[in-house]
PDB file of N, CA and C in Angstrom:
ATOM      1  N   UNK A   1      14.135  -7.260 -22.464  1.00  0.00           N
ATOM      2  CA  UNK A   1      14.627  -6.218 -21.330  1.00  0.00           C
ATOM      3  C   UNK A   1      13.783  -6.346 -20.229  1.00  0.00           C
ATOM      4  N   UNK A   2      14.459  -6.142 -19.159  1.00  0.00           N
ATOM      5  CA  UNK A   2      13.831  -6.193 -17.720  1.00  0.00           C
ATOM      6  C   UNK A   2      13.540  -4.749 -17.139  1.00  0.00           C
ATOM      7  N   UNK A   3      12.370  -4.331 -16.956  1.00  0.00           N
ATOM      8  CA  UNK A   3      11.855  -2.976 -16.305  1.00  0.00           C
ATOM      9  C   UNK A   3      11.304  -3.118 -15.322  1.00  0.00           C
ATOM     10  N   UNK A   4      11.756  -2.426 -14.435  1.00  0.00           N
ATOM     11  CA  UNK A   4      11.490  -2.469 -12.736  1.00  0.00           C
ATOM     12  C   UNK A   4      10.875  -0.998 -12.900  1.00  0.00           C
ATOM     13  N   UNK A   5       9.736  -0.675 -11.895  1.00  0.00           N
ATOM     14  CA  UNK A   5       8.879   0.532 -11.548  1.00  0.00           C
ATOM     15  C   UNK A   5       8.973   0.331 -10.045  1.00  0.00           C
ATOM     16  N   UNK A   6       9.336   1.423  -9.573  1.00  0.00           N
ATOM     17  CA  UNK A   6       9.310   1.709  -8.133  1.00  0.00           C
ATOM     18  C   UNK A   6       8.368   2.986  -8.064  1.00  0.00           C
ATOM     19  N   UNK A   7       7.739   2.894  -7.094  1.00  0.00           N
ATOM     20  CA  UNK A   7       6.651   4.110  -6.801  1.00  0.00           C
ATOM     21  C   UNK A   7       6.605   4.164  -5.031  1.00  0.00           C
ATOM     22  N   UNK A   8       7.251   5.089  -4.569  1.00  0.00           N
ATOM     23  CA  UNK A   8       7.142   5.587  -3.300  1.00  0.00           C
ATOM     24  C   UNK A   8       6.050   6.363  -2.781  1.00  0.00           C
ATOM     25  N   UNK A   9       5.325   6.120  -1.715  1.00  0.00           N
ATOM     26  CA  UNK A   9       4.408   7.073  -1.360  1.00  0.00           C
ATOM     27  C   UNK A   9       4.280   7.052   0.009  1.00  0.00           C
ATOM     28  N   UNK A  10       4.667   8.251   0.484  1.00  0.00           N
ATOM     29  CA  UNK A  10       4.510   8.559   2.057  1.00  0.00           C
ATOM     30  C   UNK A  10       3.177   9.519   2.397  1.00  0.00           C
ATOM     31  N   UNK A  11       2.887   9.099   3.659  1.00  0.00           N
ATOM     32  CA  UNK A  11       1.768   9.911   4.132  1.00  0.00           C
ATOM     33  C   UNK A  11       2.117  11.092   4.803  1.00  0.00           C
ATOM     34  N   UNK A  12       1.705  12.176   4.459  1.00  0.00           N
ATOM     35  CA  UNK A  12       1.774  13.375   5.132  1.00  0.00           C
ATOM     36  C   UNK A  12       1.296  13.686   6.761  1.00  0.00           C
ATOM     37  N   UNK A  13       0.209  12.798   6.898  1.00  0.00           N
ATOM     38  CA  UNK A  13      -0.304  12.916   8.271  1.00  0.00           C
ATOM     39  C   UNK A  13       0.874  12.103   8.982  1.00  0.00           C
ATOM     40  N   UNK A  14       1.398  10.980   8.554  1.00  0.00           N
ATOM     41  CA  UNK A  14       2.504  10.082   9.394  1.00  0.00           C
ATOM     42  C   UNK A  14       3.455   9.355   8.517  1.00  0.00           C
ATOM     43  N   UNK A  15       4.686  10.493   8.595  1.00  0.00           N
ATOM     44  CA  UNK A  15       5.891  10.233   7.986  1.00  0.00           C
ATOM     45  C   UNK A  15       6.420   8.993   7.944  1.00  0.00           C
ATOM     46  N   UNK A  16       5.930   7.962   9.380  1.00  0.00           N
ATOM     47  CA  UNK A  16       6.845   6.644   9.478  1.00  0.00           C
ATOM     48  C   UNK A  16       6.132   5.861   8.483  1.00  0.00           C
ATOM     49  N   UNK A  17       5.167   5.880   7.796  1.00  0.00           N
ATOM     50  CA  UNK A  17       4.408   5.077   7.024  1.00  0.00           C
ATOM     51  C   UNK A  17       4.446   5.107   5.477  1.00  0.00           C
ATOM     52  N   UNK A  18       4.899   4.367   4.717  1.00  0.00           N
ATOM     53  CA  UNK A  18       5.445   4.573   3.252  1.00  0.00           C
ATOM     54  C   UNK A  18       5.027   3.074   2.664  1.00  0.00           C
ATOM     55  N   UNK A  19       4.687   3.419   1.187  1.00  0.00           N
ATOM     56  CA  UNK A  19       4.357   2.240   0.243  1.00  0.00           C
ATOM     57  C   UNK A  19       5.141   2.228  -0.734  1.00  0.00           C
ATOM     58  N   UNK A  20       5.628   1.028  -1.168  1.00  0.00           N
ATOM     59  CA  UNK A  20       6.586   1.021  -2.311  1.00  0.00           C
ATOM     60  C   UNK A  20       5.869  -0.182  -2.925  1.00  0.00           C
ATOM     61  N   UNK A  21       5.816   0.327  -4.446  1.00  0.00           N
ATOM     62  CA  UNK A  21       5.160  -0.801  -5.544  1.00  0.00           C
ATOM     63  C   UNK A  21       6.188  -1.096  -6.236  1.00  0.00           C
ATOM     64  N   UNK A  22       6.160  -2.189  -6.811  1.00  0.00           N
ATOM     65  CA  UNK A  22       7.197  -2.467  -7.717  1.00  0.00           C
ATOM     66  C   UNK A  22       6.814  -3.626  -8.762  1.00  0.00           C
ATOM     67  N   UNK A  23       7.066  -3.400 -10.042  1.00  0.00           N
ATOM     68  CA  UNK A  23       6.304  -4.355 -10.956  1.00  0.00           C
ATOM     69  C   UNK A  23       7.729  -4.600 -12.019  1.00  0.00           C
ATOM     70  N   UNK A  24       8.161  -5.800 -12.218  1.00  0.00           N
ATOM     71  CA  UNK A  24       9.066  -6.562 -13.205  1.00  0.00           C
ATOM     72  C   UNK A  24       8.459  -7.016 -14.194  1.00  0.00           C
ATOM     73  N   UNK A  25       8.250  -6.280 -15.624  1.00  0.00           N
ATOM     74  CA  UNK A  25       7.547  -6.526 -16.707  1.00  0.00           C
ATOM     75  C   UNK A  25       8.004  -8.099 -17.380  1.00  0.00           C
ATOM     76  N   UNK A  26       9.191  -8.325 -17.290  1.00  0.00           N
ATOM     77  CA  UNK A  26       9.498  -9.635 -18.099  1.00  0.00           C
ATOM     78  C   UNK A  26       8.938 -10.588 -17.052  1.00  0.00           C
ATOM     79  N   UNK A  27       9.263 -10.633 -15.720  1.00  0.00           N
ATOM     80  CA  UNK A  27       8.669 -11.741 -14.747  1.00  0.00           C
ATOM     81  C   UNK A  27       7.609 -11.557 -14.426  1.00  0.00           C
ATOM     82  N   UNK A  28       6.670 -10.399 -14.890  1.00  0.00           N
ATOM     83  CA  UNK A  28       5.376 -10.209 -14.685  1.00  0.00           C
ATOM     84  C   UNK A  28       5.069 -10.519 -13.163  1.00  0.00           C
ATOM     85  N   UNK A  29       5.962  -9.913 -12.417  1.00  0.00           N
ATOM     86  CA  UNK A  29       6.160  -9.879 -10.786  1.00  0.00           C
ATOM     87  C   UNK A  29       5.529  -8.739 -10.245  1.00  0.00           C
ATOM     88  N   UNK A  30       4.573  -8.585  -9.461  1.00  0.00           N
ATOM     89  CA  UNK A  30       4.134  -7.158  -8.759  1.00  0.00           C
ATOM     90  C   UNK A  30       4.237  -7.352  -7.309  1.00  0.00           C
ATOM     91  N   UNK A  31       4.756  -6.608  -6.730  1.00  0.00           N
ATOM     92  CA  UNK A  31       5.052  -6.803  -5.274  1.00  0.00           C
ATOM     93  C   UNK A  31       4.879  -5.155  -4.544  1.00  0.00           C
ATOM     94  N   UNK A  32       3.821  -5.311  -3.456  1.00  0.00           N
ATOM     95  CA  UNK A  32       4.026  -3.907  -2.697  1.00  0.00           C
ATOM     96  C   UNK A  32       4.264  -4.256  -1.358  1.00  0.00           C
ATOM     97  N   UNK A  33       5.004  -3.079  -0.829  1.00  0.00           N
ATOM     98  CA  UNK A  33       5.612  -3.223   0.049  1.00  0.00           C
ATOM     99  C   UNK A  33       5.020  -1.951   1.307  1.00  0.00           C
ATOM    100  N   UNK A  34       4.903  -2.398   2.438  1.00  0.00           N
ATOM    101  CA  UNK A  34       4.131  -1.456   3.270  1.00  0.00           C
ATOM    102  C   UNK A  34       5.034  -1.232   4.576  1.00  0.00           C
ATOM    103  N   UNK A  35       5.628  -0.149   4.891  1.00  0.00           N
ATOM    104  CA  UNK A  35       6.938   0.296   5.758  1.00  0.00           C
ATOM    105  C   UNK A  35       5.933   0.978   6.967  1.00  0.00           C
ATOM    106  N   UNK A  36       6.055   0.478   7.973  1.00  0.00           N
ATOM    107  CA  UNK A  36       5.599   1.062   9.325  1.00  0.00           C
ATOM    108  C   UNK A  36       6.877   1.211  10.350  1.00  0.00           C
ATOM    109  N   UNK A  37       7.129   2.288  10.376  1.00  0.00           N
ATOM    110  CA  UNK A  37       8.297   2.627  11.412  1.00  0.00           C
ATOM    111  C   UNK A  37       9.481   1.848  10.778  1.00  0.00           C
ATOM    112  N   UNK A  38      10.033   1.217  11.693  1.00  0.00           N
ATOM    113  CA  UNK A  38      11.262   0.226  10.824  1.00  0.00           C
ATOM    114  C   UNK A  38      10.912  -1.052  10.582  1.00  0.00           C
ATOM    115  N   UNK A  39       9.598  -1.564  10.416  1.00  0.00           N
ATOM    116  CA  UNK A  39       9.201  -2.645   9.973  1.00  0.00           C
ATOM    117  C   UNK A  39       8.674  -2.696   8.212  1.00  0.00           C
ATOM    118  N   UNK A  40       9.063  -3.808   7.589  1.00  0.00           N
ATOM    119  CA  UNK A  40       8.545  -3.829   6.332  1.00  0.00           C
ATOM    120  C   UNK A  40       7.633  -4.964   6.117  1.00  0.00           C
ATOM    121  N   UNK A  41       6.448  -4.897   5.366  1.00  0.00           N
ATOM    122  CA  UNK A  41       5.416  -5.875   4.848  1.00  0.00           C
ATOM    123  C   UNK A  41       5.236  -6.005   3.726  1.00  0.00           C
ATOM    124  N   UNK A  42       5.259  -7.332   3.172  1.00  0.00           N
ATOM    125  CA  UNK A  42       4.928  -7.387   1.936  1.00  0.00           C
ATOM    126  C   UNK A  42       3.189  -7.851   1.680  1.00  0.00           C
ATOM    127  N   UNK A  43       2.903  -7.231   0.882  1.00  0.00           N
ATOM    128  CA  UNK A  43       1.364  -7.178   0.844  1.00  0.00           C
ATOM    129  C   UNK A  43       1.096  -7.998  -1.047  1.00  0.00           C
ATOM    130  N   UNK A  44      -0.008  -8.691  -0.922  1.00  0.00           N
ATOM    131  CA  UNK A  44      -0.770  -9.024  -2.205  1.00  0.00           C
ATOM    132  C   UNK A  44      -1.740  -8.133  -2.560  1.00  0.00           C
ATOM    133  N   UNK A  45      -1.603  -7.925  -3.721  1.00  0.00           N
ATOM    134  CA  UNK A  45      -3.232  -6.859  -4.472  1.00  0.00           C
ATOM    135  C   UNK A  45      -4.285  -7.403  -3.580  1.00  0.00           C
ATOM    136  N   UNK A  46      -4.673  -8.738  -3.208  1.00  0.00           N
ATOM    137  CA  UNK A  46      -5.836  -9.097  -2.806  1.00  0.00           C
ATOM    138  C   UNK A  46      -5.855  -8.283  -1.310  1.00  0.00           C
ATOM    139  N   UNK A  47      -4.766  -8.404  -0.876  1.00  0.00           N
ATOM    140  CA  UNK A  47      -4.645  -7.802   0.541  1.00  0.00           C
ATOM    141  C   UNK A  47      -4.834  -6.399   0.557  1.00  0.00           C
ATOM    142  N   UNK A  48      -4.417  -5.584  -0.622  1.00  0.00           N
ATOM    143  CA  UNK A  48      -4.468  -4.202  -0.685  1.00  0.00           C
ATOM    144  C   UNK A  48      -6.142  -3.703  -0.859  1.00  0.00           C
ATOM    145  N   UNK A  49      -6.598  -4.736  -1.681  1.00  0.00           N
ATOM    146  CA  UNK A  49      -8.214  -4.755  -2.141  1.00  0.00           C
ATOM    147  C   UNK A  49      -9.004  -4.476  -0.931  1.00  0.00           C
ATOM    148  N   UNK A  50      -8.585  -5.761   0.281  1.00  0.00           N
ATOM    149  CA  UNK A  50      -9.354  -5.861   1.551  1.00  0.00           C
ATOM    150  C   UNK A  50      -8.884  -4.605   2.226  1.00  0.00           C
ATOM    151  N   UNK A  51      -7.924  -3.835   2.480  1.00  0.00           N
ATOM    152  CA  UNK A  51      -7.438  -2.859   3.465  1.00  0.00           C
ATOM    153  C   UNK A  51      -8.252  -1.665   2.672  1.00  0.00           C
ATOM    154  N   UNK A  52      -8.513  -1.493   1.432  1.00  0.00           N
ATOM    155  CA  UNK A  52      -9.003  -0.552   0.944  1.00  0.00           C
ATOM    156  C   UNK A  52     -10.652  -0.574   1.261  1.00  0.00           C
ATOM    157  N   UNK A  53     -11.003  -1.503   1.199  1.00  0.00           N
ATOM    158  CA  UNK A  53     -12.675  -2.037   1.470  1.00  0.00           C
ATOM    159  C   UNK A  53     -12.584  -1.156   3.039  1.00  0.00           C
ATOM    160  N   UNK A  54     -11.798  -2.041   3.792  1.00  0.00           N
ATOM    161  CA  UNK A  54     -12.040  -1.738   5.014  1.00  0.00           C
ATOM    162  C   UNK A  54     -11.989  -0.217   5.938  1.00  0.00           C
ATOM    163  N   UNK A  55     -11.009   0.300   5.059  1.00  0.00           N
ATOM    164  CA  UNK A  55     -10.615   1.742   5.270  1.00  0.00           C
ATOM    165  C   UNK A  55     -11.867   2.683   5.147  1.00  0.00           C
ATOM    166  N   UNK A  56     -12.406   2.169   4.005  1.00  0.00           N
ATOM    167  CA  UNK A  56     -13.651   2.843   3.345  1.00  0.00           C
ATOM    168  C   UNK A  56     -14.951   2.833   4.315  1.00  0.00           C
ATOM    169  N   UNK A  57     -15.208   1.509   4.628  1.00  0.00           N
ATOM    170  CA  UNK A  57     -16.085   1.471   5.667  1.00  0.00           C
ATOM    171  C   UNK A  57     -15.849   2.131   7.205  1.00  0.00           C
ATOM    172  N   UNK A  58     -14.483   2.045   7.152  1.00  0.00           N
ATOM    173  CA  UNK A  58     -14.420   2.764   8.752  1.00  0.00           C
ATOM    174  C   UNK A  58     -14.351   4.336   8.508  1.00  0.00           C
ATOM    175  N   UNK A  59     -14.003   4.698   7.427  1.00  0.00           N
ATOM    176  CA  UNK A  59     -14.580   6.434   7.095  1.00  0.00           C
ATOM    177  C   UNK A  59     -15.893   6.576   6.846  1.00  0.00           C
ATOM    178  N   UNK A  60     -16.571   5.600   6.224  1.00  0.00           N
ATOM    179  CA  UNK A  60     -18.141   5.947   6.391  1.00  0.00           C
ATOM    180  C   UNK A  60     -18.477   6.128   7.694  1.00  0.00           C
ATOM    181  N   UNK A  61     -18.259   5.158   8.781  1.00  0.00           N
ATOM    182  CA  UNK A  61     -18.814   4.953   9.857  1.00  0.00           C
ATOM    183  C   UNK A  61     -18.336   6.220  10.553  1.00  0.00           C
ATOM    184  N   UNK A  62     -17.033   6.669  10.527  1.00  0.00           N
ATOM    185  CA  UNK A  62     -16.248   7.725  11.381  1.00  0.00           C
ATOM    186  C   UNK A  62     -17.019   8.886  10.860  1.00  0.00           C
ATOM    187  N   UNK A  63     -17.355   9.043   9.750  1.00  0.00           N
ATOM    188  CA  UNK A  63     -18.229  10.495   9.326  1.00  0.00           C
ATOM    189  C   UNK A  63     -19.663  10.652   9.881  1.00  0.00           C
ATOM    190  N   UNK A  64     -20.128   9.507  10.433  1.00  0.00           N
ATOM    191  CA  UNK A  64     -21.541   9.405  10.812  1.00  0.00           C
ATOM    192  C   UNK A  64     -21.618   9.584  12.467  1.00  0.00           C
ATOM    193  N   UNK A  65     -20.479   9.597  12.802  1.00  0.00           N
ATOM    194  CA  UNK A  65     -20.223   9.819  14.567  1.00  0.00           C
ATOM    195  C   UNK A  65     -20.299  11.360  14.708  1.00  0.00           C
ATOM    196  N   UNK A  66     -21.183  11.849  15.730  1.00  0.00           N
ATOM    197  CA  UNK A  66     -21.234  12.827  16.041  1.00  0.00           C
ATOM    198  C   UNK A  66     -22.207  13.771  15.086  1.00  0.00           C
TER     199      UNK A  66
END
């Protein structure tokens, strides 16, 4: 049986940005898509890890400003 799971996450602060994650169990396929306005970008899990690290560092820096 082929199971596909989709999760859509929209940002409250900016409704133009959403993330969709799909997992196809039989094919062991994982796909994450980032939607910015009308554009769609497919991201690897490694890219998401890097983005998370950059965002955490940016947040930390911004918390120390002012």
